[in-house]
Amino acid sequence: MTPHEVRTRAFAACRRGVDPDEVREFQARVADELAMLNETVRLLSQENDRIKRALRDWQTMHARECRPPNTGHW
């Protein structure tokens, strides 16, 4: 669900309905929160990718520098 979907969602009227202004205010708050959470997920995903690349680079460098163990007779 996107923030836009939350903001533009319409509800059918009923006999004992709710205040439309309160509904719109609530939709706006939920949409804002959803947008913030989506941005947080995007930033964390980027950071996760950066850390994975750094780890992979470190592992590659470390593997090149290490000598194989037990190069002797036994």
PDB file of N, CA and C in Angstrom:
ATOM      1  N   MET A   1       0.844  -1.161   0.000  1.00  0.00           N
ATOM      2  CA  MET A   1       0.000   0.000   0.000  1.00  0.00           C
ATOM      3  C   MET A   1       0.902   1.241   0.000  1.00  0.00           C
ATOM      4  N   THR A   2       0.538   2.197  -0.787  1.00  0.00           N
ATOM      5  CA  THR A   2       1.337   3.420  -0.890  1.00  0.00           C
ATOM      6  C   THR A   2       0.682   4.553  -0.106  1.00  0.00           C
ATOM      7  N   PRO A   3       1.464   5.580   0.235  1.00  0.00           N
ATOM      8  CA  PRO A   3       0.878   6.735   0.913  1.00  0.00           C
ATOM      9  C   PRO A   3      -0.255   7.364   0.087  1.00  0.00           C
ATOM     10  N   HIS A   4      -0.091   7.393  -1.221  1.00  0.00           N
ATOM     11  CA  HIS A   4      -1.123   7.965  -2.081  1.00  0.00           C
ATOM     12  C   HIS A   4      -2.428   7.174  -1.969  1.00  0.00           C
ATOM     13  N   GLU A   5      -2.337   5.853  -1.935  1.00  0.00           N
ATOM     14  CA  GLU A   5      -3.532   5.016  -1.792  1.00  0.00           C
ATOM     15  C   GLU A   5      -4.246   5.294  -0.473  1.00  0.00           C
ATOM     16  N   VAL A   6      -3.465   5.500   0.584  1.00  0.00           N
ATOM     17  CA  VAL A   6      -4.076   5.794   1.885  1.00  0.00           C
ATOM     18  C   VAL A   6      -4.780   7.146   1.844  1.00  0.00           C
ATOM     19  N   ARG A   7      -4.096   8.142   1.258  1.00  0.00           N
ATOM     20  CA  ARG A   7      -4.668   9.488   1.212  1.00  0.00           C
ATOM     21  C   ARG A   7      -5.956   9.552   0.386  1.00  0.00           C
ATOM     22  N   THR A   8      -6.028   8.789  -0.686  1.00  0.00           N
ATOM     23  CA  THR A   8      -7.145   8.916  -1.622  1.00  0.00           C
ATOM     24  C   THR A   8      -8.236   7.874  -1.435  1.00  0.00           C
ATOM     25  N   ARG A   9      -8.086   7.010  -0.470  1.00  0.00           N
ATOM     26  CA  ARG A   9      -9.092   5.966  -0.227  1.00  0.00           C
ATOM     27  C   ARG A   9     -10.421   6.615   0.164  1.00  0.00           C
ATOM     28  N   ALA A  10     -11.489   6.188  -0.465  1.00  0.00           N
ATOM     29  CA  ALA A  10     -12.822   6.703  -0.154  1.00  0.00           C
ATOM     30  C   ALA A  10     -13.630   5.614   0.534  1.00  0.00           C
ATOM     31  N   PHE A  11     -14.504   6.031   1.405  1.00  0.00           N
ATOM     32  CA  PHE A  11     -15.347   5.107   2.154  1.00  0.00           C
ATOM     33  C   PHE A  11     -16.808   5.433   1.874  1.00  0.00           C
ATOM     34  N   ALA A  12     -17.618   4.411   1.842  1.00  0.00           N
ATOM     35  CA  ALA A  12     -19.049   4.608   1.604  1.00  0.00           C
ATOM     36  C   ALA A  12     -19.701   5.243   2.832  1.00  0.00           C
ATOM     37  N   ALA A  13     -20.663   6.081   2.573  1.00  0.00           N
ATOM     38  CA  ALA A  13     -21.397   6.716   3.666  1.00  0.00           C
ATOM     39  C   ALA A  13     -22.392   5.728   4.259  1.00  0.00           C
ATOM     40  N   CYS A  14     -22.634   5.870   5.537  1.00  0.00           N
ATOM     41  CA  CYS A  14     -23.622   5.020   6.185  1.00  0.00           C
ATOM     42  C   CYS A  14     -24.405   5.858   7.197  1.00  0.00           C
ATOM     43  N   ARG A  15     -25.451   5.280   7.711  1.00  0.00           N
ATOM     44  CA  ARG A  15     -26.340   6.031   8.601  1.00  0.00           C
ATOM     45  C   ARG A  15     -25.595   6.548   9.834  1.00  0.00           C
ATOM     46  N   ARG A  16     -24.830   5.700  10.442  1.00  0.00           N
ATOM     47  CA  ARG A  16     -24.068   6.111  11.636  1.00  0.00           C
ATOM     48  C   ARG A  16     -22.600   6.238  11.265  1.00  0.00           C
ATOM     49  N   GLY A  17     -22.313   7.120  10.368  1.00  0.00           N
ATOM     50  CA  GLY A  17     -20.963   7.293   9.853  1.00  0.00           C
ATOM     51  C   GLY A  17     -20.041   8.009  10.823  1.00  0.00           C
ATOM     52  N   VAL A  18     -18.859   8.239  10.367  1.00  0.00           N
ATOM     53  CA  VAL A  18     -17.853   8.951  11.154  1.00  0.00           C
ATOM     54  C   VAL A  18     -17.642  10.327  10.542  1.00  0.00           C
ATOM     55  N   ASP A  19     -16.952  11.168  11.278  1.00  0.00           N
ATOM     56  CA  ASP A  19     -16.666  12.516  10.811  1.00  0.00           C
ATOM     57  C   ASP A  19     -15.669  12.440   9.652  1.00  0.00           C
ATOM     58  N   PRO A  20     -16.056  12.899   8.469  1.00  0.00           N
ATOM     59  CA  PRO A  20     -15.159  12.816   7.306  1.00  0.00           C
ATOM     60  C   PRO A  20     -13.852  13.572   7.515  1.00  0.00           C
ATOM     61  N   ASP A  21     -13.880  14.666   8.264  1.00  0.00           N
ATOM     62  CA  ASP A  21     -12.647  15.415   8.527  1.00  0.00           C
ATOM     63  C   ASP A  21     -11.676  14.598   9.376  1.00  0.00           C
ATOM     64  N   GLU A  22     -12.212  13.880  10.361  1.00  0.00           N
ATOM     65  CA  GLU A  22     -11.360  13.021  11.189  1.00  0.00           C
ATOM     66  C   GLU A  22     -10.767  11.888  10.359  1.00  0.00           C
ATOM     67  N   VAL A  23     -11.558  11.341   9.463  1.00  0.00           N
ATOM     68  CA  VAL A  23     -11.062  10.262   8.602  1.00  0.00           C
ATOM     69  C   VAL A  23      -9.928  10.786   7.726  1.00  0.00           C
ATOM     70  N   ARG A  24     -10.125  11.954   7.115  1.00  0.00           N
ATOM     71  CA  ARG A  24      -9.077  12.521   6.250  1.00  0.00           C
ATOM     72  C   ARG A  24      -7.820  12.849   7.040  1.00  0.00           C
ATOM     73  N   GLU A  25      -7.998  13.360   8.264  1.00  0.00           N
ATOM     74  CA  GLU A  25      -6.838  13.658   9.118  1.00  0.00           C
ATOM     75  C   GLU A  25      -6.076  12.377   9.453  1.00  0.00           C
ATOM     76  N   PHE A  26      -6.837  11.339   9.811  1.00  0.00           N
ATOM     77  CA  PHE A  26      -6.201  10.057  10.116  1.00  0.00           C
ATOM     78  C   PHE A  26      -5.489   9.496   8.885  1.00  0.00           C
ATOM     79  N   GLN A  27      -6.130   9.568   7.726  1.00  0.00           N
ATOM     80  CA  GLN A  27      -5.503   9.090   6.490  1.00  0.00           C
ATOM     81  C   GLN A  27      -4.203   9.841   6.224  1.00  0.00           C
ATOM     82  N   ALA A  28      -4.206  11.142   6.444  1.00  0.00           N
ATOM     83  CA  ALA A  28      -2.998  11.935   6.213  1.00  0.00           C
ATOM     84  C   ALA A  28      -1.882  11.500   7.154  1.00  0.00           C
ATOM     85  N   ARG A  29      -2.212  11.261   8.432  1.00  0.00           N
ATOM     86  CA  ARG A  29      -1.196  10.822   9.392  1.00  0.00           C
ATOM     87  C   ARG A  29      -0.640   9.452   9.019  1.00  0.00           C
ATOM     88  N   VAL A  30      -1.526   8.538   8.653  1.00  0.00           N
ATOM     89  CA  VAL A  30      -1.086   7.190   8.265  1.00  0.00           C
ATOM     90  C   VAL A  30      -0.223   7.263   7.001  1.00  0.00           C
ATOM     91  N   ALA A  31      -0.639   8.058   6.036  1.00  0.00           N
ATOM     92  CA  ALA A  31       0.123   8.181   4.793  1.00  0.00           C
ATOM     93  C   ALA A  31       1.498   8.774   5.055  1.00  0.00           C
ATOM     94  N   ASP A  32       1.584   9.783   5.921  1.00  0.00           N
ATOM     95  CA  ASP A  32       2.877  10.377   6.263  1.00  0.00           C
ATOM     96  C   ASP A  32       3.788   9.355   6.937  1.00  0.00           C
ATOM     97  N   GLU A  33       3.226   8.597   7.862  1.00  0.00           N
ATOM     98  CA  GLU A  33       4.002   7.559   8.554  1.00  0.00           C
ATOM     99  C   GLU A  33       4.478   6.498   7.565  1.00  0.00           C
ATOM    100  N   LEU A  34       3.604   6.097   6.658  1.00  0.00           N
ATOM    101  CA  LEU A  34       3.954   5.098   5.658  1.00  0.00           C
ATOM    102  C   LEU A  34       5.068   5.607   4.741  1.00  0.00           C
ATOM    103  N   ALA A  35       4.987   6.866   4.351  1.00  0.00           N
ATOM    104  CA  ALA A  35       6.035   7.454   3.510  1.00  0.00           C
ATOM    105  C   ALA A  35       7.374   7.472   4.253  1.00  0.00           C
ATOM    106  N   MET A  36       7.342   7.826   5.548  1.00  0.00           N
ATOM    107  CA  MET A  36       8.571   7.850   6.338  1.00  0.00           C
ATOM    108  C   MET A  36       9.152   6.443   6.475  1.00  0.00           C
ATOM    109  N   LEU A  37       8.298   5.464   6.722  1.00  0.00           N
ATOM    110  CA  LEU A  37       8.771   4.086   6.847  1.00  0.00           C
ATOM    111  C   LEU A  37       9.346   3.572   5.527  1.00  0.00           C
ATOM    112  N   ASN A  38       8.713   3.906   4.414  1.00  0.00           N
ATOM    113  CA  ASN A  38       9.239   3.496   3.108  1.00  0.00           C
ATOM    114  C   ASN A  38      10.620   4.100   2.867  1.00  0.00           C
ATOM    115  N   GLU A  39      10.799   5.353   3.251  1.00  0.00           N
ATOM    116  CA  GLU A  39      12.107   6.004   3.090  1.00  0.00           C
ATOM    117  C   GLU A  39      13.145   5.341   3.991  1.00  0.00           C
ATOM    118  N   THR A  40      12.751   5.005   5.207  1.00  0.00           N
ATOM    119  CA  THR A  40      13.666   4.324   6.123  1.00  0.00           C
ATOM    120  C   THR A  40      14.091   2.973   5.564  1.00  0.00           C
ATOM    121  N   VAL A  41      13.158   2.221   5.029  1.00  0.00           N
ATOM    122  CA  VAL A  41      13.467   0.924   4.429  1.00  0.00           C
ATOM    123  C   VAL A  41      14.434   1.108   3.257  1.00  0.00           C
ATOM    124  N   ARG A  42      14.191   2.131   2.430  1.00  0.00           N
ATOM    125  CA  ARG A  42      15.066   2.386   1.287  1.00  0.00           C
ATOM    126  C   ARG A  42      16.490   2.698   1.752  1.00  0.00           C
ATOM    127  N   LEU A  43      16.620   3.554   2.765  1.00  0.00           N
ATOM    128  CA  LEU A  43      17.949   3.911   3.270  1.00  0.00           C
ATOM    129  C   LEU A  43      18.644   2.719   3.917  1.00  0.00           C
ATOM    130  N   LEU A  44      17.912   1.927   4.672  1.00  0.00           N
ATOM    131  CA  LEU A  44      18.503   0.742   5.303  1.00  0.00           C
ATOM    132  C   LEU A  44      18.922  -0.287   4.263  1.00  0.00           C
ATOM    133  N   SER A  45      18.165  -0.410   3.208  1.00  0.00           N
ATOM    134  CA  SER A  45      18.531  -1.327   2.131  1.00  0.00           C
ATOM    135  C   SER A  45      19.831  -0.884   1.467  1.00  0.00           C
ATOM    136  N   GLN A  46      19.960   0.418   1.244  1.00  0.00           N
ATOM    137  CA  GLN A  46      21.210   0.938   0.671  1.00  0.00           C
ATOM    138  C   GLN A  46      22.391   0.673   1.605  1.00  0.00           C
ATOM    139  N   GLU A  47      22.197   0.915   2.899  1.00  0.00           N
ATOM    140  CA  GLU A  47      23.265   0.674   3.870  1.00  0.00           C
ATOM    141  C   GLU A  47      23.616  -0.811   3.928  1.00  0.00           C
ATOM    142  N   ASN A  48      22.615  -1.661   3.870  1.00  0.00           N
ATOM    143  CA  ASN A  48      22.849  -3.102   3.866  1.00  0.00           C
ATOM    144  C   ASN A  48      23.684  -3.511   2.650  1.00  0.00           C
ATOM    145  N   ASP A  49      23.343  -2.984   1.489  1.00  0.00           N
ATOM    146  CA  ASP A  49      24.111  -3.284   0.275  1.00  0.00           C
ATOM    147  C   ASP A  49      25.550  -2.806   0.411  1.00  0.00           C
ATOM    148  N   ARG A  50      25.741  -1.604   0.989  1.00  0.00           N
ATOM    149  CA  ARG A  50      27.090  -1.063   1.171  1.00  0.00           C
ATOM    150  C   ARG A  50      27.909  -1.956   2.110  1.00  0.00           C
ATOM    151  N   ILE A  51      27.304  -2.406   3.192  1.00  0.00           N
ATOM    152  CA  ILE A  51      28.014  -3.263   4.146  1.00  0.00           C
ATOM    153  C   ILE A  51      28.342  -4.611   3.519  1.00  0.00           C
ATOM    154  N   LYS A  52      27.428  -5.176   2.741  1.00  0.00           N
ATOM    155  CA  LYS A  52      27.705  -6.446   2.063  1.00  0.00           C
ATOM    156  C   LYS A  52      28.875  -6.305   1.104  1.00  0.00           C
ATOM    157  N   ARG A  53      28.910  -5.197   0.347  1.00  0.00           N
ATOM    158  CA  ARG A  53      30.036  -4.982  -0.587  1.00  0.00           C
ATOM    159  C   ARG A  53      31.347  -4.844   0.174  1.00  0.00           C
ATOM    160  N   ALA A  54      31.322  -4.094   1.281  1.00  0.00           N
ATOM    161  CA  ALA A  54      32.534  -3.907   2.078  1.00  0.00           C
ATOM    162  C   ALA A  54      33.018  -5.234   2.643  1.00  0.00           C
ATOM    163  N   LEU A  55      32.105  -6.059   3.128  1.00  0.00           N
ATOM    164  CA  LEU A  55      32.481  -7.369   3.665  1.00  0.00           C
ATOM    165  C   LEU A  55      33.061  -8.255   2.570  1.00  0.00           C
ATOM    166  N   ARG A  56      32.416  -8.265   1.408  1.00  0.00           N
ATOM    167  CA  ARG A  56      32.912  -9.073   0.295  1.00  0.00           C
ATOM    168  C   ARG A  56      34.308  -8.614  -0.128  1.00  0.00           C
ATOM    169  N   ASP A  57      34.529  -7.294  -0.188  1.00  0.00           N
ATOM    170  CA  ASP A  57      35.846  -6.769  -0.536  1.00  0.00           C
ATOM    171  C   ASP A  57      36.885  -7.159   0.500  1.00  0.00           C
ATOM    172  N   TRP A  58      36.516  -7.058   1.796  1.00  0.00           N
ATOM    173  CA  TRP A  58      37.444  -7.427   2.855  1.00  0.00           C
ATOM    174  C   TRP A  58      37.778  -8.911   2.778  1.00  0.00           C
ATOM    175  N   GLN A  59      36.779  -9.755   2.550  1.00  0.00           N
ATOM    176  CA  GLN A  59      37.022 -11.195   2.458  1.00  0.00           C
ATOM    177  C   GLN A  59      37.950 -11.512   1.288  1.00  0.00           C
ATOM    178  N   THR A  60      37.752 -10.842   0.164  1.00  0.00           N
ATOM    179  CA  THR A  60      38.608 -11.064  -0.994  1.00  0.00           C
ATOM    180  C   THR A  60      40.039 -10.658  -0.676  1.00  0.00           C
ATOM    181  N   MET A  61      40.218  -9.489  -0.073  1.00  0.00           N
ATOM    182  CA  MET A  61      41.559  -9.014   0.278  1.00  0.00           C
ATOM    183  C   MET A  61      42.204  -9.950   1.292  1.00  0.00           C
ATOM    184  N   HIS A  62      41.454 -10.364   2.279  1.00  0.00           N
ATOM    185  CA  HIS A  62      41.982 -11.233   3.324  1.00  0.00           C
ATOM    186  C   HIS A  62      42.382 -12.595   2.743  1.00  0.00           C
ATOM    187  N   ALA A  63      41.602 -13.134   1.843  1.00  0.00           N
ATOM    188  CA  ALA A  63      41.900 -14.436   1.241  1.00  0.00           C
ATOM    189  C   ALA A  63      43.195 -14.378   0.444  1.00  0.00           C
ATOM    190  N   ARG A  64      43.448 -13.261  -0.203  1.00  0.00           N
ATOM    191  CA  ARG A  64      44.680 -13.127  -0.993  1.00  0.00           C
ATOM    192  C   ARG A  64      45.908 -13.041  -0.107  1.00  0.00           C
ATOM    193  N   GLU A  65      45.745 -12.444   1.084  1.00  0.00           N
ATOM    194  CA  GLU A  65      46.881 -12.236   1.972  1.00  0.00           C
ATOM    195  C   GLU A  65      47.224 -13.464   2.800  1.00  0.00           C
ATOM    196  N   CYS A  66      46.286 -14.348   3.002  1.00  0.00           N
ATOM    197  CA  CYS A  66      46.510 -15.519   3.848  1.00  0.00           C
ATOM    198  C   CYS A  66      47.281 -16.594   3.077  1.00  0.00           C
ATOM    199  N   ARG A  67      48.228 -17.190   3.793  1.00  0.00           N
ATOM    200  CA  ARG A  67      48.931 -18.337   3.207  1.00  0.00           C
ATOM    201  C   ARG A  67      48.178 -19.595   3.580  1.00  0.00           C
ATOM    202  N   PRO A  68      48.163 -20.569   2.720  1.00  0.00           N
ATOM    203  CA  PRO A  68      47.484 -21.811   3.070  1.00  0.00           C
ATOM    204  C   PRO A  68      48.168 -22.476   4.259  1.00  0.00           C
ATOM    205  N   PRO A  69      47.420 -23.008   5.223  1.00  0.00           N
ATOM    206  CA  PRO A  69      48.025 -23.663   6.401  1.00  0.00           C
ATOM    207  C   PRO A  69      48.605 -25.026   6.024  1.00  0.00           C
ATOM    208  N   ASN A  70      49.496 -25.498   6.873  1.00  0.00           N
ATOM    209  CA  ASN A  70      50.080 -26.845   6.743  1.00  0.00           C
ATOM    210  C   ASN A  70      50.747 -27.051   5.376  1.00  0.00           C
ATOM    211  N   THR A  71      51.677 -26.191   5.053  1.00  0.00           N
ATOM    212  CA  THR A  71      52.369 -26.359   3.787  1.00  0.00           C
ATOM    213  C   THR A  71      53.542 -27.322   3.909  1.00  0.00           C
ATOM    214  N   GLY A  72      53.786 -27.820   5.142  1.00  0.00           N
ATOM    215  CA  GLY A  72      54.885 -28.752   5.362  1.00  0.00           C
ATOM    216  C   GLY A  72      54.517 -30.186   5.009  1.00  0.00           C
ATOM    217  N   HIS A  73      55.390 -31.093   5.421  1.00  0.00           N
ATOM    218  CA  HIS A  73      55.208 -32.508   5.144  1.00  0.00           C
ATOM    219  C   HIS A  73      53.933 -33.044   5.762  1.00  0.00           C
ATOM    220  N   TRP A  74      53.619 -32.679   6.978  1.00  0.00           N
ATOM    221  CA  TRP A  74      52.447 -33.188   7.672  1.00  0.00           C
ATOM    222  C   TRP A  74      51.433 -32.152   7.640  1.00  0.00           C
TER     223      TRP A  74
END
